[in-house]
Structures are given as C-alpha cells and as structure tokens.
Amino acid sequence: MPDASPDAVLFAALVAARPHPAEPLPDGMTELVLRLGDSIRHGSALLREAAAELAGGRGIAGLPDLLGRAEAASLEQAACARGLLEALHRLEERRAA
C-alpha cells in the first residue's frame, strides 16, 4: 500500500484534533481550511485544462500560463498547510496547558 499523501495526513490530523463544539478554534483555522480546499480545486482544474489542451492538439501556447497558475495554487496549498499545522500545534499546546 503506498504511503499516504501529505494532504491526507494533514486532513487526518485535522479530524483527530478537531475541538469539541464548545471549544474555540485557533484564530484563522476555518479560513485556512477553506482556502486549502479552494486552492486544491483550483490547481486541479488548471491541470485538467492543461491536459485537455495537450490532448486536443491545440499546441502548447497556453501551457506556460496554465502551469504557472497551477504552481501558484500549489504554493497557496503549501502556505495553508503550514498555517494549519501551526494552528494544530497551538491547539495541542492550549489543551496541554
């Protein structure tokens, strides 16, 4: 069985660390989760569009722009993941105190 993807590990950690409904979330955690989901969907759509351009024989003229935008979406994913890991760490520290 292949190793879990970093995104799968992060989402599993989010589920495992979810606070009780009465417990406040660390600042910005909800926004980070939503941004991460949006950036994953956006990056996937851009890659599908790039693949369709190649498969459709339309050439590669639009690929640099599509791939550049997909890279930006990937960087947004990484930034959100880092933010979520920090928020999870703060949540664990708060629970331990």
PDB file of N, CA and C in Angstrom:
ATOM      1  N   MET A   1       0.845  -1.172   0.000  1.00  0.00           N
ATOM      2  CA  MET A   1       0.000   0.000   0.000  1.00  0.00           C
ATOM      3  C   MET A   1       0.892   1.238   0.000  1.00  0.00           C
ATOM      4  N   PRO A   2       0.648   2.193  -0.885  1.00  0.00           N
ATOM      5  CA  PRO A   2       1.505   3.379  -0.936  1.00  0.00           C
ATOM      6  C   PRO A   2       1.323   4.252   0.306  1.00  0.00           C
ATOM      7  N   ASP A   3       2.356   5.042   0.579  1.00  0.00           N
ATOM      8  CA  ASP A   3       2.279   5.976   1.701  1.00  0.00           C
ATOM      9  C   ASP A   3       1.168   6.985   1.449  1.00  0.00           C
ATOM     10  N   ALA A   4       0.563   7.469   2.513  1.00  0.00           N
ATOM     11  CA  ALA A   4      -0.486   8.477   2.391  1.00  0.00           C
ATOM     12  C   ALA A   4       0.122   9.784   1.896  1.00  0.00           C
ATOM     13  N   SER A   5      -0.665  10.531   1.142  1.00  0.00           N
ATOM     14  CA  SER A   5      -0.187  11.816   0.652  1.00  0.00           C
ATOM     15  C   SER A   5      -0.085  12.798   1.819  1.00  0.00           C
ATOM     16  N   PRO A   6       0.738  13.838   1.695  1.00  0.00           N
ATOM     17  CA  PRO A   6       0.823  14.845   2.758  1.00  0.00           C
ATOM     18  C   PRO A   6      -0.538  15.486   3.050  1.00  0.00           C
ATOM     19  N   ASP A   7      -1.346  15.695   2.011  1.00  0.00           N
ATOM     20  CA  ASP A   7      -2.678  16.272   2.236  1.00  0.00           C
ATOM     21  C   ASP A   7      -3.543  15.328   3.062  1.00  0.00           C
ATOM     22  N   ALA A   8      -3.474  14.023   2.761  1.00  0.00           N
ATOM     23  CA  ALA A   8      -4.265  13.053   3.511  1.00  0.00           C
ATOM     24  C   ALA A   8      -3.838  13.021   4.975  1.00  0.00           C
ATOM     25  N   VAL A   9      -2.535  13.096   5.212  1.00  0.00           N
ATOM     26  CA  VAL A   9      -2.021  13.109   6.587  1.00  0.00           C
ATOM     27  C   VAL A   9      -2.508  14.361   7.318  1.00  0.00           C
ATOM     28  N   LEU A  10      -2.457  15.514   6.631  1.00  0.00           N
ATOM     29  CA  LEU A  10      -2.902  16.763   7.239  1.00  0.00           C
ATOM     30  C   LEU A  10      -4.391  16.704   7.578  1.00  0.00           C
ATOM     31  N   PHE A  11      -5.202  16.228   6.646  1.00  0.00           N
ATOM     32  CA  PHE A  11      -6.638  16.159   6.911  1.00  0.00           C
ATOM     33  C   PHE A  11      -6.952  15.171   8.028  1.00  0.00           C
ATOM     34  N   ALA A  12      -6.211  14.067   8.099  1.00  0.00           N
ATOM     35  CA  ALA A  12      -6.405  13.117   9.197  1.00  0.00           C
ATOM     36  C   ALA A  12      -6.068  13.780  10.532  1.00  0.00           C
ATOM     37  N   ALA A  13      -5.003  14.584  10.542  1.00  0.00           N
ATOM     38  CA  ALA A  13      -4.627  15.296  11.774  1.00  0.00           C
ATOM     39  C   ALA A  13      -5.692  16.314  12.159  1.00  0.00           C
ATOM     40  N   LEU A  14      -6.266  16.987  11.167  1.00  0.00           N
ATOM     41  CA  LEU A  14      -7.337  17.946  11.449  1.00  0.00           C
ATOM     42  C   LEU A  14      -8.540  17.249  12.078  1.00  0.00           C
ATOM     43  N   VAL A  15      -8.911  16.107  11.522  1.00  0.00           N
ATOM     44  CA  VAL A  15     -10.043  15.362  12.061  1.00  0.00           C
ATOM     45  C   VAL A  15      -9.733  14.883  13.471  1.00  0.00           C
ATOM     46  N   ALA A  16      -8.541  14.363  13.686  1.00  0.00           N
ATOM     47  CA  ALA A  16      -8.168  13.850  15.005  1.00  0.00           C
ATOM     48  C   ALA A  16      -8.092  14.957  16.048  1.00  0.00           C
ATOM     49  N   ALA A  17      -7.713  16.163  15.634  1.00  0.00           N
ATOM     50  CA  ALA A  17      -7.528  17.264  16.573  1.00  0.00           C
ATOM     51  C   ALA A  17      -8.749  18.160  16.687  1.00  0.00           C
ATOM     52  N   ARG A  18      -9.815  17.799  15.992  1.00  0.00           N
ATOM     53  CA  ARG A  18     -10.974  18.696  15.993  1.00  0.00           C
ATOM     54  C   ARG A  18     -11.416  18.985  17.419  1.00  0.00           C
ATOM     55  N   PRO A  19     -11.704  20.228  17.668  1.00  0.00           N
ATOM     56  CA  PRO A  19     -12.103  20.603  19.028  1.00  0.00           C
ATOM     57  C   PRO A  19     -13.558  20.226  19.304  1.00  0.00           C
ATOM     58  N   HIS A  20     -13.869  20.161  20.556  1.00  0.00           N
ATOM     59  CA  HIS A  20     -15.247  19.982  20.978  1.00  0.00           C
ATOM     60  C   HIS A  20     -16.029  21.185  20.445  1.00  0.00           C
ATOM     61  N   PRO A  21     -17.302  21.010  20.086  1.00  0.00           N
ATOM     62  CA  PRO A  21     -18.065  22.148  19.540  1.00  0.00           C
ATOM     63  C   PRO A  21     -18.037  23.404  20.416  1.00  0.00           C
ATOM     64  N   ALA A  22     -17.903  23.245  21.722  1.00  0.00           N
ATOM     65  CA  ALA A  22     -17.861  24.410  22.609  1.00  0.00           C
ATOM     66  C   ALA A  22     -16.480  25.044  22.691  1.00  0.00           C
ATOM     67  N   GLU A  23     -15.463  24.345  22.180  1.00  0.00           N
ATOM     68  CA  GLU A  23     -14.086  24.831  22.243  1.00  0.00           C
ATOM     69  C   GLU A  23     -13.810  25.744  21.050  1.00  0.00           C
ATOM     70  N   PRO A  24     -13.261  26.938  21.295  1.00  0.00           N
ATOM     71  CA  PRO A  24     -12.987  27.833  20.161  1.00  0.00           C
ATOM     72  C   PRO A  24     -11.830  27.324  19.307  1.00  0.00           C
ATOM     73  N   LEU A  25     -11.951  27.525  18.009  1.00  0.00           N
ATOM     74  CA  LEU A  25     -10.876  27.169  17.094  1.00  0.00           C
ATOM     75  C   LEU A  25      -9.758  28.197  17.184  1.00  0.00           C
ATOM     76  N   PRO A  26      -8.531  27.785  16.928  1.00  0.00           N
ATOM     77  CA  PRO A  26      -7.452  28.776  16.846  1.00  0.00           C
ATOM     78  C   PRO A  26      -7.778  29.801  15.756  1.00  0.00           C
ATOM     79  N   ASP A  27      -7.315  31.014  15.952  1.00  0.00           N
ATOM     80  CA  ASP A  27      -7.573  32.093  15.005  1.00  0.00           C
ATOM     81  C   ASP A  27      -7.198  31.691  13.588  1.00  0.00           C
ATOM     82  N   GLY A  28      -8.103  31.913  12.667  1.00  0.00           N
ATOM     83  CA  GLY A  28      -7.831  31.716  11.255  1.00  0.00           C
ATOM     84  C   GLY A  28      -7.911  30.288  10.761  1.00  0.00           C
ATOM     85  N   MET A  29      -8.165  29.320  11.632  1.00  0.00           N
ATOM     86  CA  MET A  29      -8.134  27.921  11.218  1.00  0.00           C
ATOM     87  C   MET A  29      -9.227  27.620  10.190  1.00  0.00           C
ATOM     88  N   THR A  30     -10.422  28.112  10.409  1.00  0.00           N
ATOM     89  CA  THR A  30     -11.518  27.865   9.472  1.00  0.00           C
ATOM     90  C   THR A  30     -11.188  28.439   8.104  1.00  0.00           C
ATOM     91  N   GLU A  31     -10.683  29.667   8.080  1.00  0.00           N
ATOM     92  CA  GLU A  31     -10.319  30.296   6.810  1.00  0.00           C
ATOM     93  C   GLU A  31      -9.230  29.494   6.091  1.00  0.00           C
ATOM     94  N   LEU A  32      -8.256  29.000   6.832  1.00  0.00           N
ATOM     95  CA  LEU A  32      -7.189  28.210   6.221  1.00  0.00           C
ATOM     96  C   LEU A  32      -7.723  26.923   5.596  1.00  0.00           C
ATOM     97  N   VAL A  33      -8.647  26.262   6.273  1.00  0.00           N
ATOM     98  CA  VAL A  33      -9.227  25.035   5.728  1.00  0.00           C
ATOM     99  C   VAL A  33      -9.966  25.349   4.425  1.00  0.00           C
ATOM    100  N   LEU A  34     -10.743  26.426   4.417  1.00  0.00           N
ATOM    101  CA  LEU A  34     -11.481  26.799   3.208  1.00  0.00           C
ATOM    102  C   LEU A  34     -10.537  27.197   2.077  1.00  0.00           C
ATOM    103  N   ARG A  35      -9.503  27.960   2.407  1.00  0.00           N
ATOM    104  CA  ARG A  35      -8.518  28.349   1.380  1.00  0.00           C
ATOM    105  C   ARG A  35      -7.797  27.135   0.816  1.00  0.00           C
ATOM    106  N   LEU A  36      -7.465  26.185   1.677  1.00  0.00           N
ATOM    107  CA  LEU A  36      -6.783  24.976   1.215  1.00  0.00           C
ATOM    108  C   LEU A  36      -7.666  24.213   0.236  1.00  0.00           C
ATOM    109  N   GLY A  37      -8.916  24.027   0.586  1.00  0.00           N
ATOM    110  CA  GLY A  37      -9.835  23.329  -0.310  1.00  0.00           C
ATOM    111  C   GLY A  37      -9.984  24.044  -1.644  1.00  0.00           C
ATOM    112  N   ASP A  38     -10.121  25.366  -1.598  1.00  0.00           N
ATOM    113  CA  ASP A  38     -10.240  26.150  -2.839  1.00  0.00           C
ATOM    114  C   ASP A  38      -8.990  26.026  -3.693  1.00  0.00           C
ATOM    115  N   SER A  39      -7.830  26.099  -3.079  1.00  0.00           N
ATOM    116  CA  SER A  39      -6.594  26.044  -3.861  1.00  0.00           C
ATOM    117  C   SER A  39      -6.371  24.658  -4.460  1.00  0.00           C
ATOM    118  N   ILE A  40      -6.798  23.620  -3.771  1.00  0.00           N
ATOM    119  CA  ILE A  40      -6.694  22.264  -4.322  1.00  0.00           C
ATOM    120  C   ILE A  40      -7.599  22.129  -5.545  1.00  0.00           C
ATOM    121  N   ARG A  41      -8.845  22.583  -5.409  1.00  0.00           N
ATOM    122  CA  ARG A  41      -9.777  22.508  -6.543  1.00  0.00           C
ATOM    123  C   ARG A  41      -9.281  23.339  -7.717  1.00  0.00           C
ATOM    124  N   HIS A  42      -8.777  24.539  -7.432  1.00  0.00           N
ATOM    125  CA  HIS A  42      -8.300  25.429  -8.496  1.00  0.00           C
ATOM    126  C   HIS A  42      -7.099  24.818  -9.224  1.00  0.00           C
ATOM    127  N   GLY A  43      -6.143  24.320  -8.476  1.00  0.00           N
ATOM    128  CA  GLY A  43      -4.965  23.709  -9.087  1.00  0.00           C
ATOM    129  C   GLY A  43      -5.338  22.491  -9.926  1.00  0.00           C
ATOM    130  N   SER A  44      -6.252  21.673  -9.420  1.00  0.00           N
ATOM    131  CA  SER A  44      -6.689  20.501 -10.176  1.00  0.00           C
ATOM    132  C   SER A  44      -7.378  20.911 -11.474  1.00  0.00           C
ATOM    133  N   ALA A  45      -8.216  21.936 -11.418  1.00  0.00           N
ATOM    134  CA  ALA A  45      -8.910  22.406 -12.624  1.00  0.00           C
ATOM    135  C   ALA A  45      -7.913  22.923 -13.656  1.00  0.00           C
ATOM    136  N   LEU A  46      -6.907  23.646 -13.210  1.00  0.00           N
ATOM    137  CA  LEU A  46      -5.893  24.157 -14.130  1.00  0.00           C
ATOM    138  C   LEU A  46      -5.107  23.022 -14.783  1.00  0.00           C
ATOM    139  N   LEU A  47      -4.768  22.012 -14.016  1.00  0.00           N
ATOM    140  CA  LEU A  47      -4.039  20.874 -14.584  1.00  0.00           C
ATOM    141  C   LEU A  47      -4.912  20.091 -15.567  1.00  0.00           C
ATOM    142  N   ARG A  48      -6.203  19.948 -15.256  1.00  0.00           N
ATOM    143  CA  ARG A  48      -7.112  19.292 -16.205  1.00  0.00           C
ATOM    144  C   ARG A  48      -7.209  20.097 -17.501  1.00  0.00           C
ATOM    145  N   GLU A  49      -7.271  21.418 -17.373  1.00  0.00           N
ATOM    146  CA  GLU A  49      -7.331  22.282 -18.550  1.00  0.00           C
ATOM    147  C   GLU A  49      -6.055  22.146 -19.391  1.00  0.00           C
ATOM    148  N   ALA A  50      -4.908  22.093 -18.739  1.00  0.00           N
ATOM    149  CA  ALA A  50      -3.641  21.926 -19.458  1.00  0.00           C
ATOM    150  C   ALA A  50      -3.614  20.582 -20.174  1.00  0.00           C
ATOM    151  N   ALA A  51      -4.068  19.533 -19.491  1.00  0.00           N
ATOM    152  CA  ALA A  51      -4.098  18.204 -20.115  1.00  0.00           C
ATOM    153  C   ALA A  51      -5.046  18.191 -21.312  1.00  0.00           C
ATOM    154  N   ALA A  52      -6.176  18.874 -21.198  1.00  0.00           N
ATOM    155  CA  ALA A  52      -7.130  18.927 -22.307  1.00  0.00           C
ATOM    156  C   ALA A  52      -6.533  19.650 -23.508  1.00  0.00           C
ATOM    157  N   GLU A  53      -5.745  20.703 -23.241  1.00  0.00           N
ATOM    158  CA  GLU A  53      -5.085  21.414 -24.346  1.00  0.00           C
ATOM    159  C   GLU A  53      -4.136  20.491 -25.084  1.00  0.00           C
ATOM    160  N   LEU A  54      -3.367  19.719 -24.333  1.00  0.00           N
ATOM    161  CA  LEU A  54      -2.434  18.788 -24.965  1.00  0.00           C
ATOM    162  C   LEU A  54      -3.167  17.686 -25.715  1.00  0.00           C
ATOM    163  N   ALA A  55      -4.181  17.125 -25.088  1.00  0.00           N
ATOM    164  CA  ALA A  55      -4.920  16.030 -25.709  1.00  0.00           C
ATOM    165  C   ALA A  55      -5.702  16.497 -26.931  1.00  0.00           C
ATOM    166  N   GLY A  56      -6.127  17.746 -26.914  1.00  0.00           N
ATOM    167  CA  GLY A  56      -6.914  18.279 -28.023  1.00  0.00           C
ATOM    168  C   GLY A  56      -6.081  18.729 -29.205  1.00  0.00           C
ATOM    169  N   GLY A  57      -4.767  18.619 -29.077  1.00  0.00           N
ATOM    170  CA  GLY A  57      -3.896  19.001 -30.177  1.00  0.00           C
ATOM    171  C   GLY A  57      -3.867  20.495 -30.455  1.00  0.00           C
ATOM    172  N   ARG A  58      -4.192  21.292 -29.449  1.00  0.00           N
ATOM    173  CA  ARG A  58      -4.211  22.745 -29.637  1.00  0.00           C
ATOM    174  C   ARG A  58      -2.832  23.364 -29.466  1.00  0.00           C
ATOM    175  N   GLY A  59      -1.834  22.546 -29.267  1.00  0.00           N
ATOM    176  CA  GLY A  59      -0.485  23.073 -29.094  1.00  0.00           C
ATOM    177  C   GLY A  59      -0.200  23.384 -27.645  1.00  0.00           C
ATOM    178  N   ILE A  60       0.927  24.062 -27.439  1.00  0.00           N
ATOM    179  CA  ILE A  60       1.358  24.320 -26.067  1.00  0.00           C
ATOM    180  C   ILE A  60       1.395  25.807 -25.730  1.00  0.00           C
ATOM    181  N   ALA A  61       0.839  26.641 -26.579  1.00  0.00           N
ATOM    182  CA  ALA A  61       0.922  28.089 -26.369  1.00  0.00           C
ATOM    183  C   ALA A  61       0.363  28.519 -25.014  1.00  0.00           C
ATOM    184  N   GLY A  62      -0.730  27.902 -24.583  1.00  0.00           N
ATOM    185  CA  GLY A  62      -1.340  28.299 -23.316  1.00  0.00           C
ATOM    186  C   GLY A  62      -0.789  27.593 -22.104  1.00  0.00           C
ATOM    187  N   LEU A  63       0.062  26.607 -22.310  1.00  0.00           N
ATOM    188  CA  LEU A  63       0.559  25.814 -21.179  1.00  0.00           C
ATOM    189  C   LEU A  63       1.390  26.601 -20.174  1.00  0.00           C
ATOM    190  N   PRO A  64       2.298  27.474 -20.596  1.00  0.00           N
ATOM    191  CA  PRO A  64       3.078  28.194 -19.576  1.00  0.00           C
ATOM    192  C   PRO A  64       2.201  28.968 -18.594  1.00  0.00           C
ATOM    193  N   ASP A  65       1.168  29.622 -19.101  1.00  0.00           N
ATOM    194  CA  ASP A  65       0.265  30.371 -18.209  1.00  0.00           C
ATOM    195  C   ASP A  65      -0.498  29.428 -17.280  1.00  0.00           C
ATOM    196  N   LEU A  66      -1.055  28.357 -17.850  1.00  0.00           N
ATOM    197  CA  LEU A  66      -1.809  27.403 -17.029  1.00  0.00           C
ATOM    198  C   LEU A  66      -0.932  26.767 -15.961  1.00  0.00           C
ATOM    199  N   LEU A  67       0.263  26.354 -16.349  1.00  0.00           N
ATOM    200  CA  LEU A  67       1.155  25.715 -15.387  1.00  0.00           C
ATOM    201  C   LEU A  67       1.671  26.706 -14.339  1.00  0.00           C
ATOM    202  N   GLY A  68       1.879  27.949 -14.745  1.00  0.00           N
ATOM    203  CA  GLY A  68       2.271  28.977 -13.784  1.00  0.00           C
ATOM    204  C   GLY A  68       1.173  29.229 -12.760  1.00  0.00           C
ATOM    205  N   ARG A  69      -0.065  29.261 -13.220  1.00  0.00           N
ATOM    206  CA  ARG A  69      -1.193  29.452 -12.300  1.00  0.00           C
ATOM    207  C   ARG A  69      -1.381  28.228 -11.400  1.00  0.00           C
ATOM    208  N   ALA A  70      -1.135  27.033 -11.960  1.00  0.00           N
ATOM    209  CA  ALA A  70      -1.213  25.815 -11.145  1.00  0.00           C
ATOM    210  C   ALA A  70      -0.121  25.816 -10.076  1.00  0.00           C
ATOM    211  N   GLU A  71       1.061  26.300 -10.442  1.00  0.00           N
ATOM    212  CA  GLU A  71       2.143  26.391  -9.455  1.00  0.00           C
ATOM    213  C   GLU A  71       1.768  27.359  -8.335  1.00  0.00           C
ATOM    214  N   ALA A  72       1.156  28.484  -8.691  1.00  0.00           N
ATOM    215  CA  ALA A  72       0.715  29.445  -7.668  1.00  0.00           C
ATOM    216  C   ALA A  72      -0.318  28.801  -6.744  1.00  0.00           C
ATOM    217  N   ALA A  73      -1.224  28.014  -7.302  1.00  0.00           N
ATOM    218  CA  ALA A  73      -2.212  27.312  -6.477  1.00  0.00           C
ATOM    219  C   ALA A  73      -1.522  26.320  -5.546  1.00  0.00           C
ATOM    220  N   SER A  74      -0.483  25.658  -6.046  1.00  0.00           N
ATOM    221  CA  SER A  74       0.268  24.718  -5.225  1.00  0.00           C
ATOM    222  C   SER A  74       0.976  25.431  -4.072  1.00  0.00           C
ATOM    223  N   LEU A  75       1.523  26.598  -4.347  1.00  0.00           N
ATOM    224  CA  LEU A  75       2.173  27.376  -3.290  1.00  0.00           C
ATOM    225  C   LEU A  75       1.156  27.833  -2.248  1.00  0.00           C
ATOM    226  N   GLU A  76      -0.044  28.167  -2.689  1.00  0.00           N
ATOM    227  CA  GLU A  76      -1.115  28.535  -1.752  1.00  0.00           C
ATOM    228  C   GLU A  76      -1.477  27.330  -0.881  1.00  0.00           C
ATOM    229  N   GLN A  77      -1.526  26.142  -1.494  1.00  0.00           N
ATOM    230  CA  GLN A  77      -1.798  24.925  -0.722  1.00  0.00           C
ATOM    231  C   GLN A  77      -0.745  24.733   0.364  1.00  0.00           C
ATOM    232  N   ALA A  78       0.513  24.911  -0.007  1.00  0.00           N
ATOM    233  CA  ALA A  78       1.603  24.729   0.956  1.00  0.00           C
ATOM    234  C   ALA A  78       1.509  25.746   2.085  1.00  0.00           C
ATOM    235  N   ALA A  79       1.189  26.988   1.754  1.00  0.00           N
ATOM    236  CA  ALA A  79       1.061  28.025   2.782  1.00  0.00           C
ATOM    237  C   ALA A  79      -0.089  27.702   3.734  1.00  0.00           C
ATOM    238  N   CYS A  80      -1.206  27.237   3.184  1.00  0.00           N
ATOM    239  CA  CYS A  80      -2.347  26.872   4.026  1.00  0.00           C
ATOM    240  C   CYS A  80      -2.003  25.674   4.908  1.00  0.00           C
ATOM    241  N   ALA A  81      -1.327  24.692   4.339  1.00  0.00           N
ATOM    242  CA  ALA A  81      -0.947  23.513   5.118  1.00  0.00           C
ATOM    243  C   ALA A  81      -0.031  23.901   6.273  1.00  0.00           C
ATOM    244  N   ARG A  82       0.942  24.775   6.001  1.00  0.00           N
ATOM    245  CA  ARG A  82       1.832  25.241   7.082  1.00  0.00           C
ATOM    246  C   ARG A  82       1.024  25.955   8.159  1.00  0.00           C
ATOM    247  N   GLY A  83       0.111  26.820   7.744  1.00  0.00           N
ATOM    248  CA  GLY A  83      -0.726  27.534   8.701  1.00  0.00           C
ATOM    249  C   GLY A  83      -1.583  26.601   9.528  1.00  0.00           C
ATOM    250  N   LEU A  84      -2.126  25.577   8.889  1.00  0.00           N
ATOM    251  CA  LEU A  84      -2.946  24.614   9.622  1.00  0.00           C
ATOM    252  C   LEU A  84      -2.119  23.797  10.601  1.00  0.00           C
ATOM    253  N   LEU A  85      -0.925  23.409  10.198  1.00  0.00           N
ATOM    254  CA  LEU A  85      -0.057  22.674  11.120  1.00  0.00           C
ATOM    255  C   LEU A  85       0.291  23.535  12.334  1.00  0.00           C
ATOM    256  N   GLU A  86       0.552  24.811  12.104  1.00  0.00           N
ATOM    257  CA  GLU A  86       0.828  25.725  13.225  1.00  0.00           C
ATOM    258  C   GLU A  86      -0.398  25.861  14.121  1.00  0.00           C
ATOM    259  N   ALA A  87      -1.588  25.956  13.511  1.00  0.00           N
ATOM    260  CA  ALA A  87      -2.815  26.070  14.296  1.00  0.00           C
ATOM    261  C   ALA A  87      -3.053  24.805  15.113  1.00  0.00           C
ATOM    262  N   LEU A  88      -2.787  23.647  14.522  1.00  0.00           N
ATOM    263  CA  LEU A  88      -2.929  22.398  15.263  1.00  0.00           C
ATOM    264  C   LEU A  88      -1.957  22.349  16.446  1.00  0.00           C
ATOM    265  N   HIS A  89      -0.746  22.831  16.221  1.00  0.00           N
ATOM    266  CA  HIS A  89       0.250  22.867  17.296  1.00  0.00           C
ATOM    267  C   HIS A  89      -0.237  23.776  18.430  1.00  0.00           C
ATOM    268  N   ARG A  90      -0.758  24.947  18.073  1.00  0.00           N
ATOM    269  CA  ARG A  90      -1.284  25.864  19.103  1.00  0.00           C
ATOM    270  C   ARG A  90      -2.447  25.223  19.861  1.00  0.00           C
ATOM    271  N   LEU A  91      -3.301  24.499  19.139  1.00  0.00           N
ATOM    272  CA  LEU A  91      -4.437  23.829  19.772  1.00  0.00           C
ATOM    273  C   LEU A  91      -3.947  22.778  20.752  1.00  0.00           C
ATOM    274  N   GLU A  92      -2.937  21.996  20.365  1.00  0.00           N
ATOM    275  CA  GLU A  92      -2.375  20.983  21.269  1.00  0.00           C
ATOM    276  C   GLU A  92      -1.741  21.628  22.491  1.00  0.00           C
ATOM    277  N   GLU A  93      -1.021  22.743  22.287  1.00  0.00           N
ATOM    278  CA  GLU A  93      -0.414  23.446  23.419  1.00  0.00           C
ATOM    279  C   GLU A  93      -1.482  23.966  24.371  1.00  0.00           C
ATOM    280  N   ARG A  94      -2.557  24.496  23.804  1.00  0.00           N
ATOM    281  CA  ARG A  94      -3.641  25.036  24.628  1.00  0.00           C
ATOM    282  C   ARG A  94      -4.297  23.923  25.431  1.00  0.00           C
ATOM    283  N   ARG A  95      -4.462  22.762  24.818  1.00  0.00           N
ATOM    284  CA  ARG A  95      -5.065  21.621  25.521  1.00  0.00           C
ATOM    285  C   ARG A  95      -4.154  21.110  26.629  1.00  0.00           C
ATOM    286  N   ALA A  96      -2.849  21.141  26.382  1.00  0.00           N
ATOM    287  CA  ALA A  96      -1.893  20.627  27.362  1.00  0.00           C
ATOM    288  C   ALA A  96      -1.751  21.553  28.571  1.00  0.00           C
ATOM    289  N   ALA A  97      -2.050  22.833  28.371  1.00  0.00           N
ATOM    290  CA  ALA A  97      -1.875  23.810  29.467  1.00  0.00           C
ATOM    291  C   ALA A  97      -2.932  23.670  30.542  1.00  0.00           C
TER     292      ALA A  97
END
